[in-house]
PDB file of all heavy atoms in Angstrom:
ATOM      1  N   MET A   1     110.406 112.430  68.095  1.00  0.00           N
ATOM      2  CA  MET A   1     109.787 112.223  69.396  1.00  0.00           C
ATOM      3  C   MET A   1     108.298 112.022  69.208  1.00  0.00           C
ATOM      4  O   MET A   1     107.724 112.422  68.196  1.00  0.00           O
ATOM      5  CB  MET A   1     110.026 113.452  70.276  1.00  0.00           C
ATOM      6  CG  MET A   1     109.499 114.744  69.677  1.00  0.00           C
ATOM      7  SD  MET A   1     109.636 116.155  70.768  1.00  0.00           S
ATOM      8  CE  MET A   1     108.232 115.821  71.824  1.00  0.00           C
ATOM      9  N   ARG A   2     107.685 111.379  70.190  1.00  0.00           N
ATOM     10  CA  ARG A   2     106.236 111.344  70.236  1.00  0.00           C
ATOM     11  C   ARG A   2     105.818 112.475  71.174  1.00  0.00           C
ATOM     12  O   ARG A   2     106.407 112.652  72.230  1.00  0.00           O
ATOM     13  CB  ARG A   2     105.728 110.009  70.744  1.00  0.00           C
ATOM     14  CG  ARG A   2     105.977 108.870  69.800  1.00  0.00           C
ATOM     15  CD  ARG A   2     104.865 107.846  69.892  1.00  0.00           C
ATOM     16  NE  ARG A   2     103.641 108.368  69.315  1.00  0.00           N
ATOM     17  CZ  ARG A   2     103.324 108.229  68.027  1.00  0.00           C
ATOM     18  NH1 ARG A   2     104.132 107.597  67.215  1.00  0.00           N
ATOM     19  NH2 ARG A   2     102.202 108.715  67.572  1.00  0.00           N
ATOM     20  N   TRP A   3     104.823 113.213  70.755  1.00  0.00           N
ATOM     21  CA  TRP A   3     104.465 114.415  71.487  1.00  0.00           C
ATOM     22  C   TRP A   3     103.969 114.111  72.894  1.00  0.00           C
ATOM     23  O   TRP A   3     104.225 114.841  73.833  1.00  0.00           O
ATOM     24  CB  TRP A   3     103.383 115.178  70.700  1.00  0.00           C
ATOM     25  CG  TRP A   3     103.205 116.582  71.151  1.00  0.00           C
ATOM     26  CD1 TRP A   3     102.350 117.039  72.109  1.00  0.00           C
ATOM     27  CD2 TRP A   3     103.932 117.722  70.679  1.00  0.00           C
ATOM     28  NE1 TRP A   3     102.496 118.395  72.252  1.00  0.00           N
ATOM     29  CE2 TRP A   3     103.449 118.845  71.393  1.00  0.00           C
ATOM     30  CE3 TRP A   3     104.932 117.905  69.735  1.00  0.00           C
ATOM     31  CZ2 TRP A   3     103.938 120.120  71.164  1.00  0.00           C
ATOM     32  CZ3 TRP A   3     105.415 119.177  69.519  1.00  0.00           C
ATOM     33  CH2 TRP A   3     104.926 120.263  70.232  1.00  0.00           C
ATOM     34  N   ASN A   4     103.241 112.999  73.067  1.00  0.00           N
ATOM     35  CA  ASN A   4     102.547 112.776  74.337  1.00  0.00           C
ATOM     36  C   ASN A   4     103.219 111.773  75.265  1.00  0.00           C
ATOM     37  O   ASN A   4     102.729 111.525  76.348  1.00  0.00           O
ATOM     38  CB  ASN A   4     101.113 112.319  74.056  1.00  0.00           C
ATOM     39  CG  ASN A   4     101.080 111.067  73.199  1.00  0.00           C
ATOM     40  OD1 ASN A   4     102.079 110.666  72.631  1.00  0.00           O
ATOM     41  ND2 ASN A   4      99.929 110.442  73.119  1.00  0.00           N
ATOM     42  N   VAL A   5     104.320 111.186  74.850  1.00  0.00           N
ATOM     43  CA  VAL A   5     105.033 110.248  75.719  1.00  0.00           C
ATOM     44  C   VAL A   5     106.529 110.558  75.643  1.00  0.00           C
ATOM     45  O   VAL A   5     106.997 111.252  74.763  1.00  0.00           O
ATOM     46  CB  VAL A   5     104.796 108.772  75.315  1.00  0.00           C
ATOM     47  CG1 VAL A   5     103.336 108.416  75.446  1.00  0.00           C
ATOM     48  CG2 VAL A   5     105.285 108.522  73.906  1.00  0.00           C
ATOM     49  N   ARG A   6     107.240 110.013  76.588  1.00  0.00           N
ATOM     50  CA  ARG A   6     108.678 110.288  76.640  1.00  0.00           C
ATOM     51  C   ARG A   6     109.466 109.303  75.777  1.00  0.00           C
ATOM     52  O   ARG A   6     110.290 108.549  76.283  1.00  0.00           O
ATOM     53  CB  ARG A   6     109.166 110.223  78.077  1.00  0.00           C
ATOM     54  CG  ARG A   6     108.608 111.322  78.960  1.00  0.00           C
ATOM     55  CD  ARG A   6     109.163 111.223  80.362  1.00  0.00           C
ATOM     56  NE  ARG A   6     108.668 112.272  81.242  1.00  0.00           N
ATOM     57  CZ  ARG A   6     109.237 113.450  81.384  1.00  0.00           C
ATOM     58  NH1 ARG A   6     110.332 113.730  80.737  1.00  0.00           N
ATOM     59  NH2 ARG A   6     108.719 114.346  82.202  1.00  0.00           N
ATOM     60  N   SER A   7     109.183 109.294  74.508  1.00  0.00           N
ATOM     61  CA  SER A   7     109.957 108.439  73.614  1.00  0.00           C
ATOM     62  C   SER A   7     110.664 109.316  72.591  1.00  0.00           C
ATOM     63  O   SER A   7     110.054 110.180  71.968  1.00  0.00           O
ATOM     64  CB  SER A   7     109.060 107.420  72.920  1.00  0.00           C
ATOM     65  OG  SER A   7     108.216 108.033  71.989  1.00  0.00           O
ATOM     66  N   THR A   8     111.939 109.089  72.431  1.00  0.00           N
ATOM     67  CA  THR A   8     112.744 109.813  71.451  1.00  0.00           C
ATOM     68  C   THR A   8     113.594 108.836  70.668  1.00  0.00           C
ATOM     69  O   THR A   8     113.823 107.701  71.090  1.00  0.00           O
ATOM     70  CB  THR A   8     113.646 110.854  72.125  1.00  0.00           C
ATOM     71  OG1 THR A   8     114.470 110.185  73.088  1.00  0.00           O
ATOM     72  CG2 THR A   8     112.840 111.933  72.815  1.00  0.00           C
ATOM     73  N   HIS A   9     114.076 109.296  69.553  1.00  0.00           N
ATOM     74  CA  HIS A   9     114.852 108.454  68.654  1.00  0.00           C
ATOM     75  C   HIS A   9     115.853 109.363  67.970  1.00  0.00           C
ATOM     76  O   HIS A   9     115.474 110.422  67.464  1.00  0.00           O
ATOM     77  CB  HIS A   9     113.894 107.804  67.635  1.00  0.00           C
ATOM     78  CG  HIS A   9     114.522 106.786  66.765  1.00  0.00           C
ATOM     79  ND1 HIS A   9     113.831 106.145  65.753  1.00  0.00           N
ATOM     80  CD2 HIS A   9     115.773 106.275  66.714  1.00  0.00           C
ATOM     81  CE1 HIS A   9     114.631 105.307  65.140  1.00  0.00           C
ATOM     82  NE2 HIS A   9     115.808 105.369  65.695  1.00  0.00           N
ATOM     83  N   TYR A  10     117.123 108.971  67.958  1.00  0.00           N
ATOM     84  CA  TYR A  10     118.172 109.795  67.369  1.00  0.00           C
ATOM     85  C   TYR A  10     118.981 109.003  66.345  1.00  0.00           C
ATOM     86  O   TYR A  10     119.197 107.803  66.507  1.00  0.00           O
ATOM     87  CB  TYR A  10     119.138 110.287  68.449  1.00  0.00           C
ATOM     88  CG  TYR A  10     118.535 111.260  69.430  1.00  0.00           C
ATOM     89  CD1 TYR A  10     117.976 110.817  70.619  1.00  0.00           C
ATOM     90  CD2 TYR A  10     118.522 112.634  69.165  1.00  0.00           C
ATOM     91  CE1 TYR A  10     117.420 111.704  71.523  1.00  0.00           C
ATOM     92  CE2 TYR A  10     117.979 113.533  70.068  1.00  0.00           C
ATOM     93  CZ  TYR A  10     117.420 113.052  71.233  1.00  0.00           C
ATOM     94  OH  TYR A  10     116.874 113.939  72.137  1.00  0.00           O
ATOM     95  N   ALA A  11     119.430 109.693  65.336  1.00  0.00           N
ATOM     96  CA  ALA A  11     120.406 109.102  64.434  1.00  0.00           C
ATOM     97  C   ALA A  11     121.719 108.920  65.181  1.00  0.00           C
ATOM     98  O   ALA A  11     122.066 109.732  66.057  1.00  0.00           O
ATOM     99  CB  ALA A  11     120.619 110.007  63.226  1.00  0.00           C
ATOM    100  N   ASP A  12     122.459 107.881  64.855  1.00  0.00           N
ATOM    101  CA  ASP A  12     123.724 107.622  65.548  1.00  0.00           C
ATOM    102  C   ASP A  12     124.690 108.799  65.432  1.00  0.00           C
ATOM    103  O   ASP A  12     125.459 109.073  66.346  1.00  0.00           O
ATOM    104  CB  ASP A  12     124.381 106.362  64.975  1.00  0.00           C
ATOM    105  CG  ASP A  12     123.647 105.094  65.379  1.00  0.00           C
ATOM    106  OD1 ASP A  12     122.859 105.134  66.339  1.00  0.00           O
ATOM    107  OD2 ASP A  12     123.878 104.059  64.726  1.00  0.00           O
ATOM    108  N   SER A  13     124.628 109.493  64.320  1.00  0.00           N
ATOM    109  CA  SER A  13     125.572 110.577  64.067  1.00  0.00           C
ATOM    110  C   SER A  13     125.375 111.780  64.981  1.00  0.00           C
ATOM    111  O   SER A  13     126.261 112.625  65.093  1.00  0.00           O
ATOM    112  CB  SER A  13     125.473 111.030  62.609  1.00  0.00           C
ATOM    113  OG  SER A  13     124.155 111.467  62.322  1.00  0.00           O
ATOM    114  N   VAL A  14     124.211 111.882  65.641  1.00  0.00           N
ATOM    115  CA  VAL A  14     123.946 113.043  66.490  1.00  0.00           C
ATOM    116  C   VAL A  14     123.725 112.677  67.952  1.00  0.00           C
ATOM    117  O   VAL A  14     123.562 113.576  68.795  1.00  0.00           O
ATOM    118  CB  VAL A  14     122.733 113.851  65.969  1.00  0.00           C
ATOM    119  CG1 VAL A  14     122.921 114.222  64.502  1.00  0.00           C
ATOM    120  CG2 VAL A  14     121.428 113.105  66.183  1.00  0.00           C
ATOM    121  N   LYS A  15     123.711 111.401  68.265  1.00  0.00           N
ATOM    122  CA  LYS A  15     123.496 110.978  69.659  1.00  0.00           C
ATOM    123  C   LYS A  15     124.530 111.595  70.586  1.00  0.00           C
ATOM    124  O   LYS A  15     125.719 111.616  70.281  1.00  0.00           O
ATOM    125  CB  LYS A  15     123.557 109.453  69.764  1.00  0.00           C
ATOM    126  CG  LYS A  15     122.284 108.742  69.383  1.00  0.00           C
ATOM    127  CD  LYS A  15     122.424 107.236  69.548  1.00  0.00           C
ATOM    128  CE  LYS A  15     121.185 106.517  69.105  1.00  0.00           C
ATOM    129  NZ  LYS A  15     121.335 105.049  69.173  1.00  0.00           N
ATOM    130  N   GLY A  16     124.048 112.105  71.708  1.00  0.00           N
ATOM    131  CA  GLY A  16     124.947 112.724  72.672  1.00  0.00           C
ATOM    132  C   GLY A  16     125.247 114.180  72.378  1.00  0.00           C
ATOM    133  O   GLY A  16     125.808 114.879  73.229  1.00  0.00           O
ATOM    134  N   ARG A  17     124.897 114.652  71.192  1.00  0.00           N
ATOM    135  CA  ARG A  17     125.159 116.059  70.824  1.00  0.00           C
ATOM    136  C   ARG A  17     123.860 116.851  70.625  1.00  0.00           C
ATOM    137  O   ARG A  17     123.814 118.037  70.931  1.00  0.00           O
ATOM    138  CB  ARG A  17     125.981 116.120  69.538  1.00  0.00           C
ATOM    139  CG  ARG A  17     127.330 115.445  69.632  1.00  0.00           C
ATOM    140  CD  ARG A  17     128.181 115.728  68.399  1.00  0.00           C
ATOM    141  NE  ARG A  17     127.569 115.218  67.170  1.00  0.00           N
ATOM    142  CZ  ARG A  17     127.272 115.985  66.112  1.00  0.00           C
ATOM    143  NH1 ARG A  17     127.528 117.281  66.137  1.00  0.00           N
ATOM    144  NH2 ARG A  17     126.738 115.442  65.022  1.00  0.00           N
ATOM    145  N   PHE A  18     122.848 116.197  70.099  1.00  0.00           N
ATOM    146  CA  PHE A  18     121.572 116.858  69.819  1.00  0.00           C
ATOM    147  C   PHE A  18     120.511 116.371  70.792  1.00  0.00           C
ATOM    148  O   PHE A  18     120.508 115.208  71.203  1.00  0.00           O
ATOM    149  CB  PHE A  18     121.099 116.539  68.402  1.00  0.00           C
ATOM    150  CG  PHE A  18     121.916 117.146  67.294  1.00  0.00           C
ATOM    151  CD1 PHE A  18     123.147 117.763  67.524  1.00  0.00           C
ATOM    152  CD2 PHE A  18     121.454 117.103  65.990  1.00  0.00           C
ATOM    153  CE1 PHE A  18     123.885 118.321  66.499  1.00  0.00           C
ATOM    154  CE2 PHE A  18     122.175 117.653  64.952  1.00  0.00           C
ATOM    155  CZ  PHE A  18     123.388 118.257  65.203  1.00  0.00           C
ATOM    156  N   THR A  19     119.572 117.260  71.106  1.00  0.00           N
ATOM    157  CA  THR A  19     118.459 116.912  71.970  1.00  0.00           C
ATOM    158  C   THR A  19     117.170 117.452  71.373  1.00  0.00           C
ATOM    159  O   THR A  19     117.078 118.647  71.065  1.00  0.00           O
ATOM    160  CB  THR A  19     118.634 117.483  73.380  1.00  0.00           C
ATOM    161  OG1 THR A  19     119.861 117.010  73.939  1.00  0.00           O
ATOM    162  CG2 THR A  19     117.483 117.052  74.286  1.00  0.00           C
ATOM    163  N   ILE A  20     116.188 116.577  71.228  1.00  0.00           N
ATOM    164  CA  ILE A  20     114.875 116.981  70.743  1.00  0.00           C
ATOM    165  C   ILE A  20     113.941 117.087  71.941  1.00  0.00           C
ATOM    166  O   ILE A  20     113.948 116.232  72.830  1.00  0.00           O
ATOM    167  CB  ILE A  20     114.333 115.981  69.694  1.00  0.00           C
ATOM    168  CG1 ILE A  20     113.032 116.478  69.075  1.00  0.00           C
ATOM    169  CG2 ILE A  20     114.182 114.586  70.273  1.00  0.00           C
ATOM    170  CD1 ILE A  20     112.571 115.636  67.887  1.00  0.00           C
ATOM    171  N   TYR A  21     113.160 118.166  71.996  1.00  0.00           N
ATOM    172  CA  TYR A  21     112.232 118.319  73.109  1.00  0.00           C
ATOM    173  C   TYR A  21     111.107 119.245  72.680  1.00  0.00           C
ATOM    174  O   TYR A  21     111.153 119.845  71.604  1.00  0.00           O
ATOM    175  CB  TYR A  21     112.930 118.827  74.363  1.00  0.00           C
ATOM    176  CG  TYR A  21     113.517 120.217  74.262  1.00  0.00           C
ATOM    177  CD1 TYR A  21     112.858 121.321  74.802  1.00  0.00           C
ATOM    178  CD2 TYR A  21     114.757 120.435  73.660  1.00  0.00           C
ATOM    179  CE1 TYR A  21     113.400 122.589  74.727  1.00  0.00           C
ATOM    180  CE2 TYR A  21     115.307 121.708  73.579  1.00  0.00           C
ATOM    181  CZ  TYR A  21     114.631 122.777  74.123  1.00  0.00           C
ATOM    182  OH  TYR A  21     115.164 124.042  74.045  1.00  0.00           O
ATOM    183  N   ARG A  22     110.110 119.378  73.541  1.00  0.00           N
ATOM    184  CA  ARG A  22     108.938 120.164  73.189  1.00  0.00           C
ATOM    185  C   ARG A  22     108.538 121.076  74.337  1.00  0.00           C
ATOM    186  O   ARG A  22     108.888 120.847  75.492  1.00  0.00           O
ATOM    187  CB  ARG A  22     107.760 119.241  72.871  1.00  0.00           C
ATOM    188  CG  ARG A  22     107.197 118.538  74.098  1.00  0.00           C
ATOM    189  CD  ARG A  22     106.225 117.453  73.738  1.00  0.00           C
ATOM    190  NE  ARG A  22     105.562 116.903  74.908  1.00  0.00           N
ATOM    191  CZ  ARG A  22     106.087 116.013  75.731  1.00  0.00           C
ATOM    192  NH1 ARG A  22     107.326 115.599  75.539  1.00  0.00           N
ATOM    193  NH2 ARG A  22     105.407 115.565  76.760  1.00  0.00           N
ATOM    194  N   ASP A  23     107.768 122.092  73.990  1.00  0.00           N
ATOM    195  CA  ASP A  23     107.133 122.967  74.968  1.00  0.00           C
ATOM    196  C   ASP A  23     105.637 122.896  74.679  1.00  0.00           C
ATOM    197  O   ASP A  23     105.164 123.469  73.682  1.00  0.00           O
ATOM    198  CB  ASP A  23     107.669 124.399  74.834  1.00  0.00           C
ATOM    199  CG  ASP A  23     107.087 125.343  75.871  1.00  0.00           C
ATOM    200  OD1 ASP A  23     105.903 125.164  76.256  1.00  0.00           O
ATOM    201  OD2 ASP A  23     107.801 126.261  76.293  1.00  0.00           O
ATOM    202  N   ASN A  24     104.909 122.192  75.516  1.00  0.00           N
ATOM    203  CA  ASN A  24     103.482 122.004  75.261  1.00  0.00           C
ATOM    204  C   ASN A  24     102.729 123.329  75.228  1.00  0.00           C
ATOM    205  O   ASN A  24     101.844 123.527  74.398  1.00  0.00           O
ATOM    206  CB  ASN A  24     102.882 121.097  76.326  1.00  0.00           C
ATOM    207  CG  ASN A  24     103.307 119.664  76.158  1.00  0.00           C
ATOM    208  OD1 ASN A  24     103.757 119.256  75.086  1.00  0.00           O
ATOM    209  ND2 ASN A  24     103.196 118.884  77.214  1.00  0.00           N
ATOM    210  N   ALA A  25     103.063 124.213  76.147  1.00  0.00           N
ATOM    211  CA  ALA A  25     102.343 125.480  76.226  1.00  0.00           C
ATOM    212  C   ALA A  25     102.487 126.295  74.950  1.00  0.00           C
ATOM    213  O   ALA A  25     101.572 127.013  74.554  1.00  0.00           O
ATOM    214  CB  ALA A  25     102.830 126.278  77.434  1.00  0.00           C
ATOM    215  N   LYS A  26     103.634 126.168  74.317  1.00  0.00           N
ATOM    216  CA  LYS A  26     103.892 126.930  73.080  1.00  0.00           C
ATOM    217  C   LYS A  26     103.627 126.096  71.831  1.00  0.00           C
ATOM    218  O   LYS A  26     103.769 126.617  70.717  1.00  0.00           O
ATOM    219  CB  LYS A  26     105.337 127.428  73.060  1.00  0.00           C
ATOM    220  CG  LYS A  26     105.644 128.422  74.167  1.00  0.00           C
ATOM    221  CD  LYS A  26     107.089 128.903  74.084  1.00  0.00           C
ATOM    222  CE  LYS A  26     107.383 129.913  75.171  1.00  0.00           C
ATOM    223  NZ  LYS A  26     108.797 130.385  75.113  1.00  0.00           N
ATOM    224  N   ASN A  27     103.256 124.828  72.012  1.00  0.00           N
ATOM    225  CA  ASN A  27     103.037 123.930  70.867  1.00  0.00           C
ATOM    226  C   ASN A  27     104.233 123.964  69.919  1.00  0.00           C
ATOM    227  O   ASN A  27     104.091 124.043  68.689  1.00  0.00           O
ATOM    228  CB  ASN A  27     101.753 124.312  70.128  1.00  0.00           C
ATOM    229  CG  ASN A  27     101.065 123.124  69.495  1.00  0.00           C
ATOM    230  OD1 ASN A  27     101.060 122.023  70.041  1.00  0.00           O
ATOM    231  ND2 ASN A  27     100.468 123.334  68.327  1.00  0.00           N
ATOM    232  N   THR A  28     105.409 123.900  70.521  1.00  0.00           N
ATOM    233  CA  THR A  28     106.642 124.078  69.752  1.00  0.00           C
ATOM    234  C   THR A  28     107.610 122.949  70.040  1.00  0.00           C
ATOM    235  O   THR A  28     107.770 122.530  71.188  1.00  0.00           O
ATOM    236  CB  THR A  28     107.308 125.424  70.104  1.00  0.00           C
ATOM    237  OG1 THR A  28     106.427 126.487  69.743  1.00  0.00           O
ATOM    238  CG2 THR A  28     108.622 125.599  69.360  1.00  0.00           C
TER     239      THR A  28
END
């Protein structure tokens, strides 16, 4: 993912099962 915009990219093998996201307040 890009930290400052809503762009994500997934490997085909995990699409629909995995989700990448961030918590800005926790820098995590």
